[in-house]
PDB file of all heavy atoms in Angstrom:
ATOM      1  N   LYS A   1       0.765  -1.170  -0.038  1.00  0.00           N
ATOM      2  CA  LYS A   1       0.057   0.062   0.053  1.00  0.00           C
ATOM      3  C   LYS A   1       0.838   1.342  -0.089  1.00  0.00           C
ATOM      4  O   LYS A   1       0.320   2.392  -0.347  1.00  0.00           O
ATOM      5  CB  LYS A   1      -0.897   0.007   1.243  1.00  0.00           C
ATOM      6  CG  LYS A   1      -1.867  -1.206   1.339  1.00  0.00           C
ATOM      7  CD  LYS A   1      -2.794  -1.242   0.127  1.00  0.00           C
ATOM      8  CE  LYS A   1      -3.774  -2.427   0.343  1.00  0.00           C
ATOM      9  NZ  LYS A   1      -4.741  -2.589  -0.867  1.00  0.00           N
ATOM     10  N   SER A   2       2.058   1.039   0.407  1.00  0.00           N
ATOM     11  CA  SER A   2       3.019   2.274   0.529  1.00  0.00           C
ATOM     12  C   SER A   2       4.340   1.682   0.276  1.00  0.00           C
ATOM     13  O   SER A   2       4.655   0.585   0.254  1.00  0.00           O
ATOM     14  CB  SER A   2       2.871   3.001   1.930  1.00  0.00           C
ATOM     15  OG  SER A   2       3.367   2.170   2.817  1.00  0.00           O
ATOM     16  N   PHE A   3       5.392   2.700   0.123  1.00  0.00           N
ATOM     17  CA  PHE A   3       6.758   2.323  -0.148  1.00  0.00           C
ATOM     18  C   PHE A   3       7.316   1.542   0.979  1.00  0.00           C
ATOM     19  O   PHE A   3       8.262   0.621   0.871  1.00  0.00           O
ATOM     20  CB  PHE A   3       7.581   3.519  -0.485  1.00  0.00           C
ATOM     21  CG  PHE A   3       7.212   4.365  -1.654  1.00  0.00           C
ATOM     22  CD1 PHE A   3       6.853   5.756  -1.551  1.00  0.00           C
ATOM     23  CD2 PHE A   3       6.896   3.670  -2.818  1.00  0.00           C
ATOM     24  CE1 PHE A   3       6.427   6.424  -2.624  1.00  0.00           C
ATOM     25  CE2 PHE A   3       6.520   4.318  -3.985  1.00  0.00           C
ATOM     26  CZ  PHE A   3       6.332   5.672  -3.807  1.00  0.00           C
ATOM     27  N   LYS A   4       6.859   1.782   2.192  1.00  0.00           N
ATOM     28  CA  LYS A   4       7.346   1.028   3.402  1.00  0.00           C
ATOM     29  C   LYS A   4       7.059  -0.484   3.264  1.00  0.00           C
ATOM     30  O   LYS A   4       7.691  -1.341   3.934  1.00  0.00           O
ATOM     31  CB  LYS A   4       6.974   1.584   4.627  1.00  0.00           C
ATOM     32  CG  LYS A   4       5.461   1.526   4.882  1.00  0.00           C
ATOM     33  CD  LYS A   4       5.142   2.179   6.299  1.00  0.00           C
ATOM     34  CE  LYS A   4       3.592   2.188   6.517  1.00  0.00           C
ATOM     35  NZ  LYS A   4       3.157   2.940   7.761  1.00  0.00           N
ATOM     36  N   ASP A   5       5.928  -0.766   2.537  1.00  0.00           N
ATOM     37  CA  ASP A   5       5.602  -2.250   2.438  1.00  0.00           C
ATOM     38  C   ASP A   5       6.533  -2.963   1.507  1.00  0.00           C
ATOM     39  O   ASP A   5       6.339  -4.253   1.345  1.00  0.00           O
ATOM     40  CB  ASP A   5       4.215  -2.312   1.961  1.00  0.00           C
ATOM     41  CG  ASP A   5       3.182  -1.785   2.891  1.00  0.00           C
ATOM     42  OD1 ASP A   5       3.380  -1.794   4.170  1.00  0.00           O
ATOM     43  OD2 ASP A   5       2.117  -1.189   2.411  1.00  0.00           O
ATOM     44  N   LEU A   6       7.485  -2.393   0.910  1.00  0.00           N
ATOM     45  CA  LEU A   6       8.517  -2.964   0.121  1.00  0.00           C
ATOM     46  C   LEU A   6       9.639  -3.630   0.926  1.00  0.00           C
ATOM     47  O   LEU A   6      10.390  -4.345   0.370  1.00  0.00           O
ATOM     48  CB  LEU A   6       8.995  -2.050  -0.893  1.00  0.00           C
ATOM     49  CG  LEU A   6       8.121  -1.451  -1.864  1.00  0.00           C
ATOM     50  CD1 LEU A   6       8.820  -0.264  -2.636  1.00  0.00           C
ATOM     51  CD2 LEU A   6       7.693  -2.518  -2.946  1.00  0.00           C
ATOM     52  N   LYS A   7       9.667  -3.331   2.087  1.00  0.00           N
ATOM     53  CA  LYS A   7      10.688  -3.811   3.043  1.00  0.00           C
ATOM     54  C   LYS A   7      10.815  -5.400   2.925  1.00  0.00           C
ATOM     55  O   LYS A   7       9.815  -6.109   2.915  1.00  0.00           O
ATOM     56  CB  LYS A   7      10.515  -3.563   4.471  1.00  0.00           C
ATOM     57  CG  LYS A   7      11.578  -3.814   5.456  1.00  0.00           C
ATOM     58  CD  LYS A   7      11.332  -3.258   6.808  1.00  0.00           C
ATOM     59  CE  LYS A   7      12.566  -3.554   7.774  1.00  0.00           C
ATOM     60  NZ  LYS A   7      12.302  -3.006   9.054  1.00  0.00           N
ATOM     61  N   GLY A   8      12.095  -5.768   2.730  1.00  0.00           N
ATOM     62  CA  GLY A   8      12.448  -7.190   2.640  1.00  0.00           C
ATOM     63  C   GLY A   8      12.167  -7.795   1.257  1.00  0.00           C
ATOM     64  O   GLY A   8      12.508  -8.935   0.906  1.00  0.00           O
ATOM     65  N   MET A   9      11.708  -6.942   0.248  1.00  0.00           N
ATOM     66  CA  MET A   9      11.441  -7.533  -1.005  1.00  0.00           C
ATOM     67  C   MET A   9      12.597  -7.477  -1.957  1.00  0.00           C
ATOM     68  O   MET A   9      13.528  -6.769  -1.784  1.00  0.00           O
ATOM     69  CB  MET A   9      10.299  -6.797  -1.727  1.00  0.00           C
ATOM     70  CG  MET A   9       8.961  -7.057  -1.092  1.00  0.00           C
ATOM     71  SD  MET A   9       7.523  -6.295  -2.029  1.00  0.00           S
ATOM     72  CE  MET A   9       6.116  -7.084  -1.214  1.00  0.00           C
ATOM     73  N   LYS A  10      12.624  -8.267  -3.012  1.00  0.00           N
ATOM     74  CA  LYS A  10      13.567  -8.500  -4.114  1.00  0.00           C
ATOM     75  C   LYS A  10      13.129  -7.458  -5.177  1.00  0.00           C
ATOM     76  O   LYS A  10      12.058  -7.712  -5.752  1.00  0.00           O
ATOM     77  CB  LYS A  10      13.709  -9.799  -4.535  1.00  0.00           C
ATOM     78  CG  LYS A  10      14.280 -10.832  -3.534  1.00  0.00           C
ATOM     79  CD  LYS A  10      14.412 -12.236  -4.116  1.00  0.00           C
ATOM     80  CE  LYS A  10      13.050 -12.802  -4.406  1.00  0.00           C
ATOM     81  NZ  LYS A  10      13.104 -14.212  -4.781  1.00  0.00           N
ATOM     82  N   ILE A  11      13.960  -6.482  -5.401  1.00  0.00           N
ATOM     83  CA  ILE A  11      13.507  -5.452  -6.326  1.00  0.00           C
ATOM     84  C   ILE A  11      14.582  -5.322  -7.474  1.00  0.00           C
ATOM     85  O   ILE A  11      15.737  -5.045  -7.229  1.00  0.00           O
ATOM     86  CB  ILE A  11      13.332  -4.111  -5.811  1.00  0.00           C
ATOM     87  CG1 ILE A  11      12.334  -4.133  -4.646  1.00  0.00           C
ATOM     88  CG2 ILE A  11      12.801  -2.930  -6.691  1.00  0.00           C
ATOM     89  CD1 ILE A  11      11.994  -2.872  -3.880  1.00  0.00           C
ATOM     90  N   GLY A  12      14.101  -5.433  -8.735  1.00  0.00           N
ATOM     91  CA  GLY A  12      14.994  -5.324  -9.935  1.00  0.00           C
ATOM     92  C   GLY A  12      15.264  -3.811 -10.356  1.00  0.00           C
ATOM     93  O   GLY A  12      14.330  -3.161 -10.384  1.00  0.00           O
ATOM     94  N   VAL A  13      16.602  -3.543 -10.710  1.00  0.00           N
ATOM     95  CA  VAL A  13      16.884  -2.294 -11.299  1.00  0.00           C
ATOM     96  C   VAL A  13      17.752  -2.757 -12.513  1.00  0.00           C
ATOM     97  O   VAL A  13      18.199  -3.818 -12.676  1.00  0.00           O
ATOM     98  CB  VAL A  13      17.684  -1.514 -10.194  1.00  0.00           C
ATOM     99  CG1 VAL A  13      16.884  -1.191  -9.131  1.00  0.00           C
ATOM    100  CG2 VAL A  13      19.015  -2.171  -9.922  1.00  0.00           C
ATOM    101  N   THR A  14      18.006  -1.758 -13.375  1.00  0.00           N
ATOM    102  CA  THR A  14      18.774  -2.128 -14.519  1.00  0.00           C
ATOM    103  C   THR A  14      20.241  -2.464 -14.165  1.00  0.00           C
ATOM    104  O   THR A  14      20.733  -3.427 -14.667  1.00  0.00           O
ATOM    105  CB  THR A  14      18.850  -0.761 -15.523  1.00  0.00           C
ATOM    106  OG1 THR A  14      19.347   0.254 -14.768  1.00  0.00           O
ATOM    107  CG2 THR A  14      17.585  -0.384 -16.129  1.00  0.00           C
ATOM    108  N   ALA A  15      20.829  -1.744 -13.309  1.00  0.00           N
ATOM    109  CA  ALA A  15      22.101  -2.189 -12.547  1.00  0.00           C
ATOM    110  C   ALA A  15      22.316  -1.429 -11.316  1.00  0.00           C
ATOM    111  O   ALA A  15      21.804  -0.273 -11.064  1.00  0.00           O
ATOM    112  CB  ALA A  15      23.281  -1.868 -13.591  1.00  0.00           C
ATOM    113  N   PRO A  16      22.916  -2.029 -10.305  1.00  0.00           N
ATOM    114  CA  PRO A  16      23.114  -1.269  -9.084  1.00  0.00           C
ATOM    115  C   PRO A  16      23.916  -0.092  -9.312  1.00  0.00           C
ATOM    116  O   PRO A  16      24.858   0.099 -10.117  1.00  0.00           O
ATOM    117  CB  PRO A  16      23.999  -2.249  -8.260  1.00  0.00           C
ATOM    118  CG  PRO A  16      23.569  -3.650  -8.728  1.00  0.00           C
ATOM    119  CD  PRO A  16      23.360  -3.364 -10.244  1.00  0.00           C
ATOM    120  N   GLY A  17      23.561   1.007  -8.628  1.00  0.00           N
ATOM    121  CA  GLY A  17      24.193   2.291  -8.848  1.00  0.00           C
ATOM    122  C   GLY A  17      23.683   3.161 -10.044  1.00  0.00           C
ATOM    123  O   GLY A  17      24.182   4.252 -10.337  1.00  0.00           O
ATOM    124  N   SER A  18      22.737   2.593 -10.793  1.00  0.00           N
ATOM    125  CA  SER A  18      22.185   3.289 -11.896  1.00  0.00           C
ATOM    126  C   SER A  18      21.046   4.202 -11.445  1.00  0.00           C
ATOM    127  O   SER A  18      20.540   4.315 -10.352  1.00  0.00           O
ATOM    128  CB  SER A  18      21.633   2.186 -12.865  1.00  0.00           C
ATOM    129  OG  SER A  18      20.470   1.535 -12.276  1.00  0.00           O
ATOM    130  N   SER A  19      20.491   4.930 -12.470  1.00  0.00           N
ATOM    131  CA  SER A  19      19.381   6.003 -12.196  1.00  0.00           C
ATOM    132  C   SER A  19      18.166   5.206 -11.587  1.00  0.00           C
ATOM    133  O   SER A  19      17.335   5.712 -10.851  1.00  0.00           O
ATOM    134  CB  SER A  19      19.094   6.733 -13.405  1.00  0.00           C
ATOM    135  OG  SER A  19      18.675   5.921 -14.498  1.00  0.00           O
ATOM    136  N   THR A  20      17.841   3.953 -12.202  1.00  0.00           N
ATOM    137  CA  THR A  20      16.805   3.092 -11.653  1.00  0.00           C
ATOM    138  C   THR A  20      17.026   2.908 -10.181  1.00  0.00           C
ATOM    139  O   THR A  20      15.931   2.754  -9.507  1.00  0.00           O
ATOM    140  CB  THR A  20      16.569   1.978 -12.476  1.00  0.00           C
ATOM    141  OG1 THR A  20      17.791   1.217 -12.608  1.00  0.00           O
ATOM    142  CG2 THR A  20      16.080   2.318 -13.900  1.00  0.00           C
ATOM    143  N   ASN A  21      18.120   2.561  -9.841  1.00  0.00           N
ATOM    144  CA  ASN A  21      18.514   2.207  -8.414  1.00  0.00           C
ATOM    145  C   ASN A  21      18.368   3.487  -7.524  1.00  0.00           C
ATOM    146  O   ASN A  21      17.697   3.586  -6.477  1.00  0.00           O
ATOM    147  CB  ASN A  21      19.821   1.865  -8.316  1.00  0.00           C
ATOM    148  CG  ASN A  21      20.265   1.162  -6.992  1.00  0.00           C
ATOM    149  OD1 ASN A  21      21.325   0.457  -6.877  1.00  0.00           O
ATOM    150  ND2 ASN A  21      19.529   1.388  -5.899  1.00  0.00           N
ATOM    151  N   PHE A  22      18.792   4.811  -7.985  1.00  0.00           N
ATOM    152  CA  PHE A  22      18.622   6.077  -7.353  1.00  0.00           C
ATOM    153  C   PHE A  22      17.104   6.353  -7.177  1.00  0.00           C
ATOM    154  O   PHE A  22      16.716   6.851  -6.009  1.00  0.00           O
ATOM    155  CB  PHE A  22      19.277   7.232  -8.081  1.00  0.00           C
ATOM    156  CG  PHE A  22      20.869   7.079  -8.194  1.00  0.00           C
ATOM    157  CD1 PHE A  22      21.418   7.780  -9.236  1.00  0.00           C
ATOM    158  CD2 PHE A  22      21.618   6.331  -7.360  1.00  0.00           C
ATOM    159  CE1 PHE A  22      22.781   7.678  -9.437  1.00  0.00           C
ATOM    160  CE2 PHE A  22      22.904   6.286  -7.441  1.00  0.00           C
ATOM    161  CZ  PHE A  22      23.629   6.868  -8.510  1.00  0.00           C
ATOM    162  N   PHE A  23      16.342   6.143  -8.123  1.00  0.00           N
ATOM    163  CA  PHE A  23      14.912   6.469  -8.099  1.00  0.00           C
ATOM    164  C   PHE A  23      14.215   5.569  -6.975  1.00  0.00           C
ATOM    165  O   PHE A  23      13.453   6.112  -6.149  1.00  0.00           O
ATOM    166  CB  PHE A  23      14.299   6.118  -9.514  1.00  0.00           C
ATOM    167  CG  PHE A  23      12.713   6.432  -9.537  1.00  0.00           C
ATOM    168  CD1 PHE A  23      12.342   7.713  -9.641  1.00  0.00           C
ATOM    169  CD2 PHE A  23      11.902   5.388  -9.606  1.00  0.00           C
ATOM    170  CE1 PHE A  23      10.916   7.941  -9.722  1.00  0.00           C
ATOM    171  CE2 PHE A  23      10.544   5.602  -9.785  1.00  0.00           C
ATOM    172  CZ  PHE A  23      10.046   6.940  -9.712  1.00  0.00           C
ATOM    173  N   LEU A  24      14.564   4.372  -6.987  1.00  0.00           N
ATOM    174  CA  LEU A  24      14.087   3.539  -5.901  1.00  0.00           C
ATOM    175  C   LEU A  24      14.391   3.904  -4.563  1.00  0.00           C
ATOM    176  O   LEU A  24      13.641   4.009  -3.618  1.00  0.00           O
ATOM    177  CB  LEU A  24      14.557   1.944  -6.229  1.00  0.00           C
ATOM    178  CG  LEU A  24      14.273   1.080  -5.048  1.00  0.00           C
ATOM    179  CD1 LEU A  24      12.713   0.777  -4.958  1.00  0.00           C
ATOM    180  CD2 LEU A  24      14.925  -0.366  -5.444  1.00  0.00           C
ATOM    181  N   ASN A  25      15.708   4.271  -4.458  1.00  0.00           N
ATOM    182  CA  ASN A  25      16.277   4.677  -3.113  1.00  0.00           C
ATOM    183  C   ASN A  25      15.446   5.994  -2.504  1.00  0.00           C
ATOM    184  O   ASN A  25      15.187   6.097  -1.487  1.00  0.00           O
ATOM    185  CB  ASN A  25      17.731   4.984  -3.235  1.00  0.00           C
ATOM    186  CG  ASN A  25      18.654   3.799  -3.403  1.00  0.00           C
ATOM    187  OD1 ASN A  25      18.210   2.688  -3.346  1.00  0.00           O
ATOM    188  ND2 ASN A  25      19.835   3.873  -3.750  1.00  0.00           N
TER     189      ASN A  25
END
């Protein structure tokens, strides 16, 4: 229901340290 509910989940990004990773962070 919110971003905090993502805790513990496996989330795919294009590559660690990429813009998709920054956006998620």
